[in-house]
Amino acid sequence: MEENKTLNTPLLLDSFPVSTKIICAGKSSLKNSWRQAWKKYDYKQHALCTIPGASHCFDEDGTEGKLFLETYQWIQKHKK
């Protein structure tokens, strides 16, 4: 837990060997951190989206389906 507080996850994206999509919950406190990181770094192979009204568990009405759809479309786009 302590290590996670100092971990710069957005900076790590540059070392990921596959295209990665970050899907943020609209109610998450991390949403703004990811938006700031996207402005700061040049992520050519990665993507970021936010699902409005969702919390961490994506269990609000309709948010689970949106999470699934975002994930499915990303996988289909990068399927070999």
N, C-alpha and C. Protein backbone atom coordinates (compact mmCIF):
# COMPACT_ATOMS: atom_id res chain seq x y z
N MET A 1 0.83 -1.19 0.00
CA MET A 1 0.00 0.00 0.00
C MET A 1 0.87 1.26 0.00
N GLU A 2 1.93 1.25 0.79
CA GLU A 2 2.82 2.41 0.84
C GLU A 2 3.51 2.64 -0.50
N GLU A 3 3.94 1.56 -1.13
CA GLU A 3 4.60 1.68 -2.44
C GLU A 3 3.65 2.28 -3.47
N ASN A 4 2.38 1.92 -3.40
CA ASN A 4 1.39 2.42 -4.34
C ASN A 4 1.23 3.94 -4.26
N LYS A 5 1.44 4.51 -3.08
CA LYS A 5 1.30 5.96 -2.91
C LYS A 5 2.34 6.73 -3.72
N THR A 6 3.51 6.14 -3.94
CA THR A 6 4.58 6.82 -4.67
C THR A 6 4.72 6.33 -6.11
N LEU A 7 3.96 5.33 -6.48
CA LEU A 7 4.05 4.76 -7.82
C LEU A 7 3.48 5.72 -8.85
N ASN A 8 4.23 5.99 -9.89
CA ASN A 8 3.78 6.88 -10.96
C ASN A 8 3.24 6.01 -12.10
N THR A 9 2.02 5.53 -11.95
CA THR A 9 1.43 4.63 -12.93
C THR A 9 1.37 5.24 -14.33
N PRO A 10 0.97 6.50 -14.48
CA PRO A 10 0.96 7.05 -15.84
C PRO A 10 2.32 7.00 -16.53
N LEU A 11 3.38 7.21 -15.80
CA LEU A 11 4.72 7.15 -16.39
C LEU A 11 5.06 5.72 -16.83
N LEU A 12 4.53 4.73 -16.13
CA LEU A 12 4.79 3.33 -16.47
C LEU A 12 4.18 2.92 -17.80
N LEU A 13 3.16 3.62 -18.27
CA LEU A 13 2.51 3.24 -19.53
C LEU A 13 3.50 3.16 -20.68
N ASP A 14 4.51 3.99 -20.67
CA ASP A 14 5.49 3.97 -21.75
C ASP A 14 6.24 2.65 -21.84
N SER A 15 6.28 1.91 -20.74
CA SER A 15 7.01 0.64 -20.75
C SER A 15 6.10 -0.56 -21.02
N PHE A 16 4.79 -0.35 -21.15
CA PHE A 16 3.87 -1.45 -21.42
C PHE A 16 4.08 -1.95 -22.85
N PRO A 17 4.23 -3.26 -23.05
CA PRO A 17 4.48 -3.79 -24.39
C PRO A 17 3.24 -3.88 -25.28
N VAL A 18 2.05 -3.67 -24.72
CA VAL A 18 0.82 -3.75 -25.50
C VAL A 18 0.01 -2.47 -25.32
N SER A 19 -0.84 -2.19 -26.27
CA SER A 19 -1.73 -1.04 -26.17
C SER A 19 -2.67 -1.23 -24.98
N THR A 20 -2.82 -0.17 -24.20
CA THR A 20 -3.59 -0.25 -22.96
C THR A 20 -4.61 0.87 -22.93
N LYS A 21 -5.80 0.55 -22.47
CA LYS A 21 -6.83 1.57 -22.33
C LYS A 21 -7.15 1.72 -20.85
N ILE A 22 -7.05 2.93 -20.35
CA ILE A 22 -7.40 3.25 -18.98
C ILE A 22 -8.86 3.69 -18.99
N ILE A 23 -9.69 2.99 -18.23
CA ILE A 23 -11.11 3.32 -18.15
C ILE A 23 -11.36 3.82 -16.73
N CYS A 24 -11.64 5.10 -16.62
CA CYS A 24 -11.84 5.72 -15.31
C CYS A 24 -13.32 5.80 -14.95
N ALA A 25 -13.59 5.60 -13.68
CA ALA A 25 -14.93 5.82 -13.18
C ALA A 25 -15.14 7.32 -13.02
N GLY A 26 -16.25 7.80 -13.48
CA GLY A 26 -16.54 9.24 -13.42
C GLY A 26 -16.50 9.82 -12.03
N LYS A 27 -16.80 9.01 -11.01
CA LYS A 27 -16.79 9.48 -9.63
C LYS A 27 -15.45 9.24 -8.94
N SER A 28 -14.47 8.73 -9.67
CA SER A 28 -13.17 8.41 -9.08
C SER A 28 -12.32 9.66 -8.85
N SER A 29 -11.61 9.67 -7.75
CA SER A 29 -10.69 10.77 -7.49
C SER A 29 -9.47 10.70 -8.39
N LEU A 30 -9.23 9.56 -9.02
CA LEU A 30 -8.07 9.39 -9.91
C LEU A 30 -8.32 9.94 -11.31
N LYS A 31 -9.57 10.21 -11.63
CA LYS A 31 -9.94 10.68 -12.97
C LYS A 31 -9.14 11.92 -13.37
N ASN A 32 -9.04 12.88 -12.50
CA ASN A 32 -8.31 14.11 -12.82
C ASN A 32 -6.82 13.87 -12.95
N SER A 33 -6.27 12.96 -12.15
CA SER A 33 -4.85 12.62 -12.25
C SER A 33 -4.53 12.04 -13.62
N TRP A 34 -5.41 11.15 -14.09
CA TRP A 34 -5.19 10.55 -15.41
C TRP A 34 -5.33 11.60 -16.51
N ARG A 35 -6.28 12.50 -16.39
CA ARG A 35 -6.43 13.55 -17.41
C ARG A 35 -5.17 14.42 -17.47
N GLN A 36 -4.64 14.77 -16.32
CA GLN A 36 -3.42 15.59 -16.28
C GLN A 36 -2.24 14.83 -16.90
N ALA A 37 -2.15 13.54 -16.60
CA ALA A 37 -1.07 12.72 -17.17
C ALA A 37 -1.18 12.67 -18.69
N TRP A 38 -2.41 12.58 -19.18
CA TRP A 38 -2.60 12.49 -20.64
C TRP A 38 -2.14 13.78 -21.33
N LYS A 39 -2.28 14.89 -20.64
CA LYS A 39 -1.82 16.16 -21.20
C LYS A 39 -0.29 16.25 -21.16
N LYS A 40 0.31 15.64 -20.15
CA LYS A 40 1.75 15.75 -19.92
C LYS A 40 2.57 14.79 -20.78
N TYR A 41 2.09 13.57 -20.94
CA TYR A 41 2.84 12.53 -21.66
C TYR A 41 2.24 12.30 -23.04
N ASP A 42 3.03 11.73 -23.91
CA ASP A 42 2.59 11.45 -25.27
C ASP A 42 2.31 9.95 -25.41
N TYR A 43 1.06 9.56 -25.17
CA TYR A 43 0.68 8.15 -25.23
C TYR A 43 0.11 7.84 -26.61
N LYS A 44 0.93 7.39 -27.52
CA LYS A 44 0.47 7.13 -28.88
C LYS A 44 -0.33 5.83 -28.99
N GLN A 45 0.07 4.81 -28.24
CA GLN A 45 -0.59 3.51 -28.39
C GLN A 45 -1.63 3.22 -27.31
N HIS A 46 -1.84 4.15 -26.43
CA HIS A 46 -2.76 3.93 -25.31
C HIS A 46 -3.98 4.85 -25.43
N ALA A 47 -4.99 4.57 -24.62
CA ALA A 47 -6.20 5.39 -24.65
C ALA A 47 -6.73 5.59 -23.24
N LEU A 48 -7.52 6.63 -23.09
CA LEU A 48 -8.14 6.97 -21.82
C LEU A 48 -9.60 7.32 -22.07
N CYS A 49 -10.48 6.82 -21.23
CA CYS A 49 -11.88 7.24 -21.30
C CYS A 49 -12.45 7.27 -19.88
N THR A 50 -13.54 7.96 -19.73
CA THR A 50 -14.23 8.07 -18.45
C THR A 50 -15.68 7.64 -18.63
N ILE A 51 -16.18 6.88 -17.68
CA ILE A 51 -17.57 6.48 -17.71
C ILE A 51 -18.31 7.31 -16.67
N PRO A 52 -19.08 8.30 -17.15
CA PRO A 52 -19.80 9.19 -16.23
C PRO A 52 -20.73 8.43 -15.29
N GLY A 53 -20.80 8.89 -14.05
CA GLY A 53 -21.71 8.32 -13.07
C GLY A 53 -21.22 7.04 -12.41
N ALA A 54 -20.09 6.51 -12.87
CA ALA A 54 -19.58 5.25 -12.32
C ALA A 54 -18.70 5.49 -11.10
N SER A 55 -18.77 4.57 -10.16
CA SER A 55 -17.83 4.56 -9.04
C SER A 55 -16.83 3.43 -9.29
N HIS A 56 -15.97 3.18 -8.35
CA HIS A 56 -14.90 2.19 -8.51
C HIS A 56 -15.40 0.82 -8.97
N CYS A 57 -16.54 0.40 -8.49
CA CYS A 57 -17.05 -0.95 -8.81
C CYS A 57 -17.89 -1.00 -10.10
N PHE A 58 -18.18 0.14 -10.68
CA PHE A 58 -18.99 0.21 -11.91
C PHE A 58 -20.30 -0.58 -11.72
N ASP A 59 -20.93 -0.42 -10.56
CA ASP A 59 -22.16 -1.17 -10.31
C ASP A 59 -23.40 -0.28 -10.30
N GLU A 60 -23.27 0.96 -10.71
CA GLU A 60 -24.43 1.84 -10.87
C GLU A 60 -25.19 1.42 -12.13
N ASP A 61 -26.45 1.76 -12.19
CA ASP A 61 -27.30 1.38 -13.31
C ASP A 61 -26.68 1.79 -14.64
N GLY A 62 -26.38 0.83 -15.48
CA GLY A 62 -25.87 1.09 -16.83
C GLY A 62 -24.36 1.24 -16.95
N THR A 63 -23.66 1.47 -15.85
CA THR A 63 -22.22 1.70 -15.96
C THR A 63 -21.44 0.42 -16.24
N GLU A 64 -21.94 -0.71 -15.73
CA GLU A 64 -21.27 -1.98 -15.98
C GLU A 64 -21.28 -2.32 -17.47
N GLY A 65 -22.41 -2.07 -18.11
CA GLY A 65 -22.52 -2.31 -19.55
C GLY A 65 -21.59 -1.41 -20.35
N LYS A 66 -21.46 -0.16 -19.92
CA LYS A 66 -20.56 0.77 -20.60
C LYS A 66 -19.10 0.33 -20.44
N LEU A 67 -18.77 -0.16 -19.24
CA LEU A 67 -17.42 -0.67 -19.00
C LEU A 67 -17.13 -1.86 -19.91
N PHE A 68 -18.08 -2.77 -20.00
CA PHE A 68 -17.93 -3.94 -20.86
C PHE A 68 -17.76 -3.52 -22.31
N LEU A 69 -18.59 -2.60 -22.78
CA LEU A 69 -18.54 -2.16 -24.17
C LEU A 69 -17.21 -1.49 -24.49
N GLU A 70 -16.72 -0.61 -23.63
CA GLU A 70 -15.42 0.04 -23.84
C GLU A 70 -14.31 -1.00 -23.92
N THR A 71 -14.36 -1.98 -23.03
CA THR A 71 -13.35 -3.04 -23.01
C THR A 71 -13.42 -3.90 -24.26
N TYR A 72 -14.62 -4.31 -24.62
CA TYR A 72 -14.82 -5.16 -25.80
C TYR A 72 -14.35 -4.45 -27.07
N GLN A 73 -14.73 -3.20 -27.24
CA GLN A 73 -14.33 -2.47 -28.44
C GLN A 73 -12.81 -2.31 -28.51
N TRP A 74 -12.17 -2.09 -27.38
CA TRP A 74 -10.71 -1.96 -27.35
C TRP A 74 -10.04 -3.27 -27.77
N ILE A 75 -10.55 -4.37 -27.23
CA ILE A 75 -9.98 -5.68 -27.58
C ILE A 75 -10.19 -5.97 -29.05
N GLN A 76 -11.36 -5.69 -29.57
CA GLN A 76 -11.63 -5.92 -30.99
C GLN A 76 -10.72 -5.08 -31.88
N LYS A 77 -10.47 -3.86 -31.48
CA LYS A 77 -9.62 -2.95 -32.25
C LYS A 77 -8.18 -3.46 -32.32
N HIS A 78 -7.73 -4.13 -31.28
CA HIS A 78 -6.33 -4.55 -31.20
C HIS A 78 -6.14 -6.07 -31.35
N LYS A 79 -7.19 -6.73 -31.75
CA LYS A 79 -7.11 -8.18 -31.94
C LYS A 79 -6.26 -8.49 -33.17
N LYS A 80 -5.44 -9.48 -33.06
CA LYS A 80 -4.56 -9.83 -34.20
C LYS A 80 -5.08 -11.03 -34.94
